[in-house]
Amino acid sequence: MKPKSSKIAIIIAINLIMVVVFFCMTYLSPSIKDAHAITDEDQSVNPCEEYGISAIETHAFLPENYKVLSMKPFDNLCEIAIETAHKYATLYTYKDYVIVGDLFKDKKAVTRDLVDKIEGRVVEENRKALEQIAAITYTPKNRNINRTLYMVVTPGCHFCEEAEDEIEFLSERYGLTIKMIIYTDDDQKAVKAICRNIPINEFSSPEFRTAQIVDADLCERGKEIIEKTPAVIDRIGIKGFPTFIFDTGKKFAGANMANLEKQIVITLESIEHELTASVRGK
């Protein structure tokens, strides 16, 4: 009789387990339909409406006179680009958090891409002004492409002097026209350089810097260019020297000429790729 009793106990236990499982699935777990409804609802939520500017104002410290340039959803985050004192930054908000700094996806700096686009737009808006303050122009002998690289320098800058010595080589190698912009409040040597149209690599030479200045060296055109330059450069947001600006709006800071050459190659390849894609699209 004992074996029979054991079998009955096992059957009863199995039945109890099945009843418990059925109860949990029926009353404690959401149905498949409900699960889809929850997912669809989450996807329809705009994070910028839920936690956009309010999150920044609540959880971050920002200057009073900041300006929102763009705001759009980025996955489950809200991506917000702001400007303050001609400087640009990208913030990402999520509920009670504000993320400041570089954001990477698929090994690409998403934040840097957005800032580059903003800075490129600012440069494009001020392109005419940049042309008007170009102090010295160097045109390569073999100008095989119609591209311009602006080089912003300031007198007395050691790194600028290093860049001035090497920039003509890069100009000849890649066929770029170089336009040097001199940022200074008041420098008669800079005015003289414009009026005498000296070569770029002579601007920082000891001979030029120590040469005596006479009234004939100081033309009105040179004075006007030097006077206009600070406002344009500040508007573009340049804070360090030297800074290089491609005519596409891309900016490179510093006198690391090897890195500059690398960036020139990347930029030219990108331009060629866009042109090829445009032709194929037609």
C-alpha atoms as a PDB file:
ATOM      1  CA  MET A   1       0.000   0.000   0.000  1.00  0.00           C
ATOM      2  CA  LYS A   2       2.861   2.351   0.620  1.00  0.00           C
ATOM      3  CA  PRO A   3       3.943   2.547  -3.025  1.00  0.00           C
ATOM      4  CA  LYS A   4       0.415   3.404  -4.069  1.00  0.00           C
ATOM      5  CA  SER A   5       0.199   6.162  -1.443  1.00  0.00           C
ATOM      6  CA  SER A   6       3.492   7.636  -2.710  1.00  0.00           C
ATOM      7  CA  LYS A   7       2.181   7.766  -6.254  1.00  0.00           C
ATOM      8  CA  ILE A   8      -0.943   9.575  -5.136  1.00  0.00           C
ATOM      9  CA  ALA A   9       1.135  12.129  -3.205  1.00  0.00           C
ATOM     10  CA  ILE A  10       3.315  12.804  -6.236  1.00  0.00           C
ATOM     11  CA  ILE A  11       0.273  13.330  -8.500  1.00  0.00           C
ATOM     12  CA  ILE A  12      -1.281  15.718  -5.975  1.00  0.00           C
ATOM     13  CA  ALA A  13       1.995  17.690  -5.731  1.00  0.00           C
ATOM     14  CA  ILE A  14       2.281  18.005  -9.511  1.00  0.00           C
ATOM     15  CA  ASN A  15      -1.291  19.213  -9.760  1.00  0.00           C
ATOM     16  CA  LEU A  16      -0.662  21.833  -7.083  1.00  0.00           C
ATOM     17  CA  ILE A  17       2.423  23.088  -8.921  1.00  0.00           C
ATOM     18  CA  MET A  18       0.447  23.403 -12.163  1.00  0.00           C
ATOM     19  CA  VAL A  19      -2.278  25.358 -10.389  1.00  0.00           C
ATOM     20  CA  VAL A  20       0.294  27.781  -8.918  1.00  0.00           C
ATOM     21  CA  VAL A  21       2.007  28.303 -12.301  1.00  0.00           C
ATOM     22  CA  PHE A  22      -1.350  28.925 -14.013  1.00  0.00           C
ATOM     23  CA  PHE A  23      -2.294  31.452 -11.312  1.00  0.00           C
ATOM     24  CA  CYS A  24       0.987  33.364 -11.697  1.00  0.00           C
ATOM     25  CA  MET A  25       0.755  33.499 -15.466  1.00  0.00           C
ATOM     26  CA  THR A  26      -2.873  34.581 -15.436  1.00  0.00           C
ATOM     27  CA  TYR A  27      -2.998  37.135 -12.644  1.00  0.00           C
ATOM     28  CA  LEU A  28       0.548  38.288 -11.871  1.00  0.00           C
ATOM     29  CA  SER A  29       2.144  38.589 -15.344  1.00  0.00           C
ATOM     30  CA  PRO A  30       0.986  41.132 -17.954  1.00  0.00           C
ATOM     31  CA  SER A  31      -0.482  39.688 -21.109  1.00  0.00           C
ATOM     32  CA  ILE A  32       1.435  39.789 -24.386  1.00  0.00           C
ATOM     33  CA  LYS A  33      -0.965  42.432 -25.617  1.00  0.00           C
ATOM     34  CA  ASP A  34      -0.344  44.578 -22.544  1.00  0.00           C
ATOM     35  CA  ALA A  35       3.419  44.127 -22.898  1.00  0.00           C
ATOM     36  CA  HIS A  36       3.302  45.402 -26.482  1.00  0.00           C
ATOM     37  CA  ALA A  37       1.178  48.344 -25.351  1.00  0.00           C
ATOM     38  CA  ILE A  38       3.746  49.296 -22.709  1.00  0.00           C
ATOM     39  CA  THR A  39       6.609  49.066 -25.228  1.00  0.00           C
ATOM     40  CA  ASP A  40       4.765  51.155 -27.807  1.00  0.00           C
ATOM     41  CA  GLU A  41       3.943  53.763 -25.189  1.00  0.00           C
ATOM     42  CA  ASP A  42       7.607  54.016 -24.133  1.00  0.00           C
ATOM     43  CA  GLN A  43       8.704  54.469 -27.761  1.00  0.00           C
ATOM     44  CA  SER A  44       6.173  57.239 -28.327  1.00  0.00           C
ATOM     45  CA  VAL A  45       7.464  59.361 -25.438  1.00  0.00           C
ATOM     46  CA  ASN A  46       9.565  62.353 -26.534  1.00  0.00           C
ATOM     47  CA  PRO A  47      12.364  62.648 -23.942  1.00  0.00           C
ATOM     48  CA  CYS A  48      12.787  66.359 -24.735  1.00  0.00           C
ATOM     49  CA  GLU A  49       9.188  66.984 -23.688  1.00  0.00           C
ATOM     50  CA  GLU A  50       9.547  64.879 -20.558  1.00  0.00           C
ATOM     51  CA  TYR A  51      12.957  66.119 -19.362  1.00  0.00           C
ATOM     52  CA  GLY A  52      14.493  68.731 -21.652  1.00  0.00           C
ATOM     53  CA  ILE A  53      15.237  72.300 -20.607  1.00  0.00           C
ATOM     54  CA  SER A  54      13.619  71.754 -17.220  1.00  0.00           C
ATOM     55  CA  ALA A  55      16.195  69.089 -16.383  1.00  0.00           C
ATOM     56  CA  ILE A  56      19.066  71.427 -17.257  1.00  0.00           C
ATOM     57  CA  GLU A  57      17.664  74.296 -15.218  1.00  0.00           C
ATOM     58  CA  THR A  58      16.997  71.985 -12.265  1.00  0.00           C
ATOM     59  CA  HIS A  59      20.133  69.851 -12.188  1.00  0.00           C
ATOM     60  CA  ALA A  60      22.925  71.787 -13.958  1.00  0.00           C
ATOM     61  CA  PHE A  61      24.745  75.077 -13.445  1.00  0.00           C
ATOM     62  CA  LEU A  62      24.540  77.290 -16.528  1.00  0.00           C
ATOM     63  CA  PRO A  63      25.269  80.972 -17.230  1.00  0.00           C
ATOM     64  CA  GLU A  64      22.246  83.240 -17.235  1.00  0.00           C
ATOM     65  CA  ASN A  65      22.586  84.276 -20.882  1.00  0.00           C
ATOM     66  CA  TYR A  66      22.767  80.894 -22.559  1.00  0.00           C
ATOM     67  CA  LYS A  67      20.994  80.226 -25.851  1.00  0.00           C
ATOM     68  CA  VAL A  68      19.506  76.903 -26.967  1.00  0.00           C
ATOM     69  CA  LEU A  69      20.642  76.152 -30.535  1.00  0.00           C
ATOM     70  CA  SER A  70      18.964  72.785 -30.990  1.00  0.00           C
ATOM     71  CA  MET A  71      17.039  70.196 -29.017  1.00  0.00           C
ATOM     72  CA  LYS A  72      16.073  66.748 -30.287  1.00  0.00           C
ATOM     73  CA  PRO A  73      15.621  63.163 -29.054  1.00  0.00           C
ATOM     74  CA  PHE A  74      18.680  60.913 -29.169  1.00  0.00           C
ATOM     75  CA  ASP A  75      17.629  57.354 -28.387  1.00  0.00           C
ATOM     76  CA  ASN A  76      16.190  57.625 -24.853  1.00  0.00           C
ATOM     77  CA  LEU A  77      18.031  60.881 -24.150  1.00  0.00           C
ATOM     78  CA  CYS A  78      17.320  64.489 -25.034  1.00  0.00           C
ATOM     79  CA  GLU A  79      20.234  66.104 -26.894  1.00  0.00           C
ATOM     80  CA  ILE A  80      20.517  69.856 -26.310  1.00  0.00           C
ATOM     81  CA  ALA A  81      23.112  72.149 -27.924  1.00  0.00           C
ATOM     82  CA  ILE A  82      23.689  75.506 -26.236  1.00  0.00           C
ATOM     83  CA  GLU A  83      25.764  78.609 -26.847  1.00  0.00           C
ATOM     84  CA  THR A  84      27.216  80.957 -24.283  1.00  0.00           C
ATOM     85  CA  ALA A  85      29.744  83.723 -25.025  1.00  0.00           C
ATOM     86  CA  HIS A  86      30.371  82.242 -28.504  1.00  0.00           C
ATOM     87  CA  LYS A  87      31.246  78.864 -26.998  1.00  0.00           C
ATOM     88  CA  TYR A  88      29.263  75.750 -27.853  1.00  0.00           C
ATOM     89  CA  ALA A  89      28.416  72.746 -25.717  1.00  0.00           C
ATOM     90  CA  THR A  90      26.191  69.699 -25.947  1.00  0.00           C
ATOM     91  CA  LEU A  91      24.215  68.327 -23.014  1.00  0.00           C
ATOM     92  CA  TYR A  92      22.202  65.125 -22.712  1.00  0.00           C
ATOM     93  CA  THR A  93      19.336  64.853 -20.256  1.00  0.00           C
ATOM     94  CA  TYR A  94      17.641  61.753 -18.868  1.00  0.00           C
ATOM     95  CA  LYS A  95      14.979  62.081 -16.187  1.00  0.00           C
ATOM     96  CA  ASP A  96      16.812  63.474 -13.128  1.00  0.00           C
ATOM     97  CA  TYR A  97      20.265  63.500 -14.756  1.00  0.00           C
ATOM     98  CA  VAL A  98      22.228  65.861 -17.001  1.00  0.00           C
ATOM     99  CA  ILE A  99      25.208  64.415 -18.881  1.00  0.00           C
ATOM    100  CA  VAL A 100      27.982  66.874 -19.781  1.00  0.00           C
ATOM    101  CA  GLY A 101      30.936  65.798 -21.915  1.00  0.00           C
ATOM    102  CA  ASP A 102      31.664  63.603 -24.913  1.00  0.00           C
ATOM    103  CA  LEU A 103      29.138  60.930 -25.827  1.00  0.00           C
ATOM    104  CA  PHE A 104      30.317  58.033 -27.987  1.00  0.00           C
ATOM    105  CA  LYS A 105      28.338  55.597 -30.131  1.00  0.00           C
ATOM    106  CA  ASP A 106      29.784  53.005 -32.527  1.00  0.00           C
ATOM    107  CA  LYS A 107      33.265  54.391 -31.734  1.00  0.00           C
ATOM    108  CA  LYS A 108      32.273  57.877 -32.955  1.00  0.00           C
ATOM    109  CA  ALA A 109      32.198  61.031 -30.860  1.00  0.00           C
ATOM    110  CA  VAL A 110      28.546  61.986 -31.319  1.00  0.00           C
ATOM    111  CA  THR A 111      28.993  65.147 -29.271  1.00  0.00           C
ATOM    112  CA  ARG A 112      31.947  66.348 -31.360  1.00  0.00           C
ATOM    113  CA  ASP A 113      30.030  65.760 -34.591  1.00  0.00           C
ATOM    114  CA  LEU A 114      27.197  68.005 -33.443  1.00  0.00           C
ATOM    115  CA  VAL A 115      29.529  70.766 -32.241  1.00  0.00           C
ATOM    116  CA  ASP A 116      31.426  70.583 -35.557  1.00  0.00           C
ATOM    117  CA  LYS A 117      28.171  71.098 -37.450  1.00  0.00           C
ATOM    118  CA  ILE A 118      27.263  74.103 -35.306  1.00  0.00           C
ATOM    119  CA  GLU A 119      30.720  75.653 -35.647  1.00  0.00           C
ATOM    120  CA  GLY A 120      30.659  74.977 -39.396  1.00  0.00           C
ATOM    121  CA  ARG A 121      27.374  76.843 -39.690  1.00  0.00           C
ATOM    122  CA  VAL A 122      28.800  79.779 -37.718  1.00  0.00           C
ATOM    123  CA  VAL A 123      31.883  79.900 -39.955  1.00  0.00           C
ATOM    124  CA  GLU A 124      29.701  79.801 -43.076  1.00  0.00           C
ATOM    125  CA  GLU A 125      27.620  82.687 -41.741  1.00  0.00           C
ATOM    126  CA  ASN A 126      30.836  84.695 -41.221  1.00  0.00           C
ATOM    127  CA  ARG A 127      32.664  83.575 -44.390  1.00  0.00           C
ATOM    128  CA  LYS A 128      32.413  86.986 -46.039  1.00  0.00           C
ATOM    129  CA  ALA A 129      33.761  88.644 -42.899  1.00  0.00           C
ATOM    130  CA  LEU A 130      36.685  86.180 -42.824  1.00  0.00           C
ATOM    131  CA  GLU A 131      37.592  87.123 -46.377  1.00  0.00           C
ATOM    132  CA  GLN A 132      37.550  90.798 -45.432  1.00  0.00           C
ATOM    133  CA  ILE A 133      40.032  90.348 -42.559  1.00  0.00           C
ATOM    134  CA  ALA A 134      42.501  88.084 -44.397  1.00  0.00           C
ATOM    135  CA  ALA A 135      45.843  89.801 -43.808  1.00  0.00           C
ATOM    136  CA  ILE A 136      48.278  87.793 -45.955  1.00  0.00           C
ATOM    137  CA  THR A 137      47.497  85.276 -48.691  1.00  0.00           C
ATOM    138  CA  TYR A 138      49.702  82.462 -49.955  1.00  0.00           C
ATOM    139  CA  THR A 139      48.685  80.807 -53.217  1.00  0.00           C
ATOM    140  CA  PRO A 140      50.455  77.534 -54.095  1.00  0.00           C
ATOM    141  CA  LYS A 141      52.222  77.215 -57.436  1.00  0.00           C
ATOM    142  CA  ASN A 142      50.136  74.144 -58.268  1.00  0.00           C
ATOM    143  CA  ARG A 143      46.684  75.114 -57.112  1.00  0.00           C
ATOM    144  CA  ASN A 144      44.846  71.994 -58.202  1.00  0.00           C
ATOM    145  CA  ILE A 145      41.801  72.482 -55.974  1.00  0.00           C
ATOM    146  CA  ASN A 146      39.705  75.506 -55.127  1.00  0.00           C
ATOM    147  CA  ARG A 147      39.955  75.233 -51.349  1.00  0.00           C
ATOM    148  CA  THR A 148      41.054  77.718 -48.693  1.00  0.00           C
ATOM    149  CA  LEU A 149      42.554  77.226 -45.236  1.00  0.00           C
ATOM    150  CA  TYR A 150      42.429  80.221 -42.886  1.00  0.00           C
ATOM    151  CA  MET A 151      45.211  80.438 -40.303  1.00  0.00           C
ATOM    152  CA  VAL A 152      44.493  82.657 -37.286  1.00  0.00           C
ATOM    153  CA  VAL A 153      47.595  83.798 -35.412  1.00  0.00           C
ATOM    154  CA  THR A 154      48.550  86.442 -32.873  1.00  0.00           C
ATOM    155  CA  PRO A 155      51.895  88.286 -32.566  1.00  0.00           C
ATOM    156  CA  GLY A 156      54.339  86.893 -30.014  1.00  0.00           C
ATOM    157  CA  CYS A 157      52.832  83.395 -30.131  1.00  0.00           C
ATOM    158  CA  HIS A 158      55.651  80.820 -30.289  1.00  0.00           C
ATOM    159  CA  PHE A 159      53.388  78.060 -31.610  1.00  0.00           C
ATOM    160  CA  CYS A 160      52.074  80.411 -34.282  1.00  0.00           C
ATOM    161  CA  GLU A 161      55.639  81.024 -35.439  1.00  0.00           C
ATOM    162  CA  GLU A 162      56.210  77.279 -35.781  1.00  0.00           C
ATOM    163  CA  ALA A 163      53.054  76.964 -37.869  1.00  0.00           C
ATOM    164  CA  GLU A 164      54.036  79.903 -40.074  1.00  0.00           C
ATOM    165  CA  ASP A 165      57.321  78.186 -40.919  1.00  0.00           C
ATOM    166  CA  GLU A 166      55.597  75.010 -42.145  1.00  0.00           C
ATOM    167  CA  ILE A 167      52.233  76.068 -43.544  1.00  0.00           C
ATOM    168  CA  GLU A 168      53.528  76.911 -47.020  1.00  0.00           C
ATOM    169  CA  PHE A 169      54.828  73.347 -47.389  1.00  0.00           C
ATOM    170  CA  LEU A 170      51.336  71.973 -46.688  1.00  0.00           C
ATOM    171  CA  SER A 171      49.869  74.523 -49.063  1.00  0.00           C
ATOM    172  CA  GLU A 172      52.077  73.304 -51.916  1.00  0.00           C
ATOM    173  CA  ARG A 173      51.568  69.651 -51.063  1.00  0.00           C
ATOM    174  CA  TYR A 174      47.757  69.771 -51.092  1.00  0.00           C
ATOM    175  CA  GLY A 175      47.106  72.757 -53.350  1.00  0.00           C
ATOM    176  CA  LEU A 176      45.433  74.827 -50.630  1.00  0.00           C
ATOM    177  CA  THR A 177      45.288  78.615 -50.610  1.00  0.00           C
ATOM    178  CA  ILE A 178      46.376  79.887 -47.181  1.00  0.00           C
ATOM    179  CA  LYS A 179      44.915  83.107 -45.781  1.00  0.00           C
ATOM    180  CA  MET A 180      46.523  84.317 -42.580  1.00  0.00           C
ATOM    181  CA  ILE A 181      44.445  86.349 -40.137  1.00  0.00           C
ATOM    182  CA  ILE A 182      46.266  88.359 -37.480  1.00  0.00           C
ATOM    183  CA  TYR A 183      44.456  88.779 -34.156  1.00  0.00           C
ATOM    184  CA  THR A 184      45.769  91.768 -32.202  1.00  0.00           C
ATOM    185  CA  ASP A 185      44.362  94.876 -30.542  1.00  0.00           C
ATOM    186  CA  ASP A 186      47.006  97.240 -31.870  1.00  0.00           C
ATOM    187  CA  ASP A 187      50.149  96.105 -33.634  1.00  0.00           C
ATOM    188  CA  GLN A 188      51.852  98.330 -36.162  1.00  0.00           C
ATOM    189  CA  LYS A 189      53.971  95.405 -37.314  1.00  0.00           C
ATOM    190  CA  ALA A 190      50.785  93.587 -38.293  1.00  0.00           C
ATOM    191  CA  VAL A 191      49.580  96.631 -40.194  1.00  0.00           C
ATOM    192  CA  LYS A 192      52.936  96.851 -41.962  1.00  0.00           C
ATOM    193  CA  ALA A 193      52.789  93.148 -42.885  1.00  0.00           C
ATOM    194  CA  ILE A 194      49.442  93.713 -44.581  1.00  0.00           C
ATOM    195  CA  CYS A 195      50.455  96.890 -46.354  1.00  0.00           C
ATOM    196  CA  ARG A 196      53.786  95.437 -47.575  1.00  0.00           C
ATOM    197  CA  ASN A 197      52.176  92.052 -48.376  1.00  0.00           C
ATOM    198  CA  ILE A 198      55.094  90.134 -46.896  1.00  0.00           C
ATOM    199  CA  PRO A 199      55.294  86.309 -47.164  1.00  0.00           C
ATOM    200  CA  ILE A 200      53.698  84.385 -44.305  1.00  0.00           C
ATOM    201  CA  ASN A 201      56.975  82.800 -43.168  1.00  0.00           C
ATOM    202  CA  GLU A 202      58.593  86.251 -42.804  1.00  0.00           C
ATOM    203  CA  PHE A 203      55.964  87.685 -40.444  1.00  0.00           C
ATOM    204  CA  SER A 204      57.664  86.329 -37.316  1.00  0.00           C
ATOM    205  CA  SER A 205      61.241  86.613 -38.547  1.00  0.00           C
ATOM    206  CA  PRO A 206      63.660  88.636 -36.372  1.00  0.00           C
ATOM    207  CA  GLU A 207      64.487  90.880 -39.324  1.00  0.00           C
ATOM    208  CA  PHE A 208      60.867  91.910 -39.827  1.00  0.00           C
ATOM    209  CA  ARG A 209      60.008  92.212 -36.142  1.00  0.00           C
ATOM    210  CA  THR A 210      62.998  94.479 -35.399  1.00  0.00           C
ATOM    211  CA  ALA A 211      62.824  96.608 -38.548  1.00  0.00           C
ATOM    212  CA  GLN A 212      61.957 100.251 -38.045  1.00  0.00           C
ATOM    213  CA  ILE A 213      58.437 101.358 -39.014  1.00  0.00           C
ATOM    214  CA  VAL A 214      57.867 104.466 -41.089  1.00  0.00           C
ATOM    215  CA  ASP A 215      54.629 106.210 -41.975  1.00  0.00           C
ATOM    216  CA  ALA A 216      54.673 104.708 -45.472  1.00  0.00           C
ATOM    217  CA  ASP A 217      54.347 101.235 -43.916  1.00  0.00           C
ATOM    218  CA  LEU A 218      50.983 102.025 -42.317  1.00  0.00           C
ATOM    219  CA  CYS A 219      48.244 102.098 -44.956  1.00  0.00           C
ATOM    220  CA  GLU A 220      44.555 102.599 -44.182  1.00  0.00           C
ATOM    221  CA  ARG A 221      43.639  99.156 -45.513  1.00  0.00           C
ATOM    222  CA  GLY A 222      45.982  97.491 -43.017  1.00  0.00           C
ATOM    223  CA  LYS A 223      44.637  99.545 -40.114  1.00  0.00           C
ATOM    224  CA  GLU A 224      41.042  98.719 -41.069  1.00  0.00           C
ATOM    225  CA  ILE A 225      41.705  94.973 -41.270  1.00  0.00           C
ATOM    226  CA  ILE A 226      43.425  94.860 -37.874  1.00  0.00           C
ATOM    227  CA  GLU A 227      40.623  96.916 -36.331  1.00  0.00           C
ATOM    228  CA  LYS A 228      37.885  94.598 -37.650  1.00  0.00           C
ATOM    229  CA  THR A 229      39.594  91.287 -36.858  1.00  0.00           C
ATOM    230  CA  PRO A 230      38.932  90.844 -33.082  1.00  0.00           C
ATOM    231  CA  ALA A 231      35.149  91.149 -33.429  1.00  0.00           C
ATOM    232  CA  VAL A 232      34.986  88.558 -36.230  1.00  0.00           C
ATOM    233  CA  ILE A 233      37.256  86.068 -34.465  1.00  0.00           C
ATOM    234  CA  ASP A 234      35.366  86.445 -31.178  1.00  0.00           C
ATOM    235  CA  ARG A 235      32.089  85.898 -33.042  1.00  0.00           C
ATOM    236  CA  ILE A 236      33.368  82.620 -34.477  1.00  0.00           C
ATOM    237  CA  GLY A 237      34.434  81.520 -31.000  1.00  0.00           C
ATOM    238  CA  ILE A 238      38.200  81.207 -31.428  1.00  0.00           C
ATOM    239  CA  LYS A 239      40.006  81.339 -28.086  1.00  0.00           C
ATOM    240  CA  GLY A 240      43.437  79.845 -28.816  1.00  0.00           C
ATOM    241  CA  PHE A 241      46.203  80.362 -31.367  1.00  0.00           C
ATOM    242  CA  PRO A 242      47.027  79.209 -33.891  1.00  0.00           C
ATOM    243  CA  THR A 243      43.647  78.029 -35.101  1.00  0.00           C
ATOM    244  CA  PHE A 244      43.065  76.731 -38.608  1.00  0.00           C
ATOM    245  CA  ILE A 245      39.673  77.022 -40.296  1.00  0.00           C
ATOM    246  CA  PHE A 246      38.831  75.073 -43.428  1.00  0.00           C
ATOM    247  CA  ASP A 247      36.461  76.772 -45.852  1.00  0.00           C
ATOM    248  CA  THR A 248      33.983  73.990 -44.999  1.00  0.00           C
ATOM    249  CA  GLY A 249      33.800  75.361 -41.444  1.00  0.00           C
ATOM    250  CA  LYS A 250      35.936  72.635 -39.850  1.00  0.00           C
ATOM    251  CA  LYS A 251      38.324  74.028 -37.202  1.00  0.00           C
ATOM    252  CA  PHE A 252      41.655  72.680 -35.942  1.00  0.00           C
ATOM    253  CA  ALA A 253      43.426  74.240 -32.955  1.00  0.00           C
ATOM    254  CA  GLY A 254      47.127  74.063 -32.099  1.00  0.00           C
ATOM    255  CA  ALA A 255      50.471  73.897 -33.899  1.00  0.00           C
ATOM    256  CA  ASN A 256      50.718  70.123 -34.211  1.00  0.00           C
ATOM    257  CA  MET A 257      51.399  70.219 -37.937  1.00  0.00           C
ATOM    258  CA  ALA A 258      51.415  66.432 -38.316  1.00  0.00           C
ATOM    259  CA  ASN A 259      47.901  66.338 -36.884  1.00  0.00           C
ATOM    260  CA  LEU A 260      46.891  69.300 -39.053  1.00  0.00           C
ATOM    261  CA  GLU A 261      48.068  67.457 -42.165  1.00  0.00           C
ATOM    262  CA  LYS A 262      46.085  64.404 -41.086  1.00  0.00           C
ATOM    263  CA  GLN A 263      42.973  66.553 -40.653  1.00  0.00           C
ATOM    264  CA  ILE A 264      43.523  68.173 -44.054  1.00  0.00           C
ATOM    265  CA  VAL A 265      43.621  64.741 -45.692  1.00  0.00           C
ATOM    266  CA  ILE A 266      40.469  63.614 -43.849  1.00  0.00           C
ATOM    267  CA  THR A 267      38.633  66.814 -44.800  1.00  0.00           C
ATOM    268  CA  LEU A 268      39.631  66.639 -48.475  1.00  0.00           C
ATOM    269  CA  GLU A 269      38.598  62.974 -48.649  1.00  0.00           C
ATOM    270  CA  SER A 270      35.262  63.843 -47.050  1.00  0.00           C
ATOM    271  CA  ILE A 271      34.687  66.625 -49.603  1.00  0.00           C
ATOM    272  CA  GLU A 272      35.537  64.267 -52.462  1.00  0.00           C
ATOM    273  CA  HIS A 273      33.214  61.604 -51.061  1.00  0.00           C
ATOM    274  CA  GLU A 274      30.327  64.105 -50.813  1.00  0.00           C
ATOM    275  CA  LEU A 275      30.912  65.339 -54.362  1.00  0.00           C
ATOM    276  CA  THR A 276      30.992  61.769 -55.692  1.00  0.00           C
ATOM    277  CA  ALA A 277      27.777  60.917 -53.859  1.00  0.00           C
ATOM    278  CA  SER A 278      26.147  64.084 -55.212  1.00  0.00           C
ATOM    279  CA  VAL A 279      27.091  63.229 -58.810  1.00  0.00           C
ATOM    280  CA  ARG A 280      25.780  59.679 -58.442  1.00  0.00           C
ATOM    281  CA  GLY A 281      22.562  61.027 -56.984  1.00  0.00           C
ATOM    282  CA  LYS A 282      21.966  63.076 -60.113  1.00  0.00           C
END
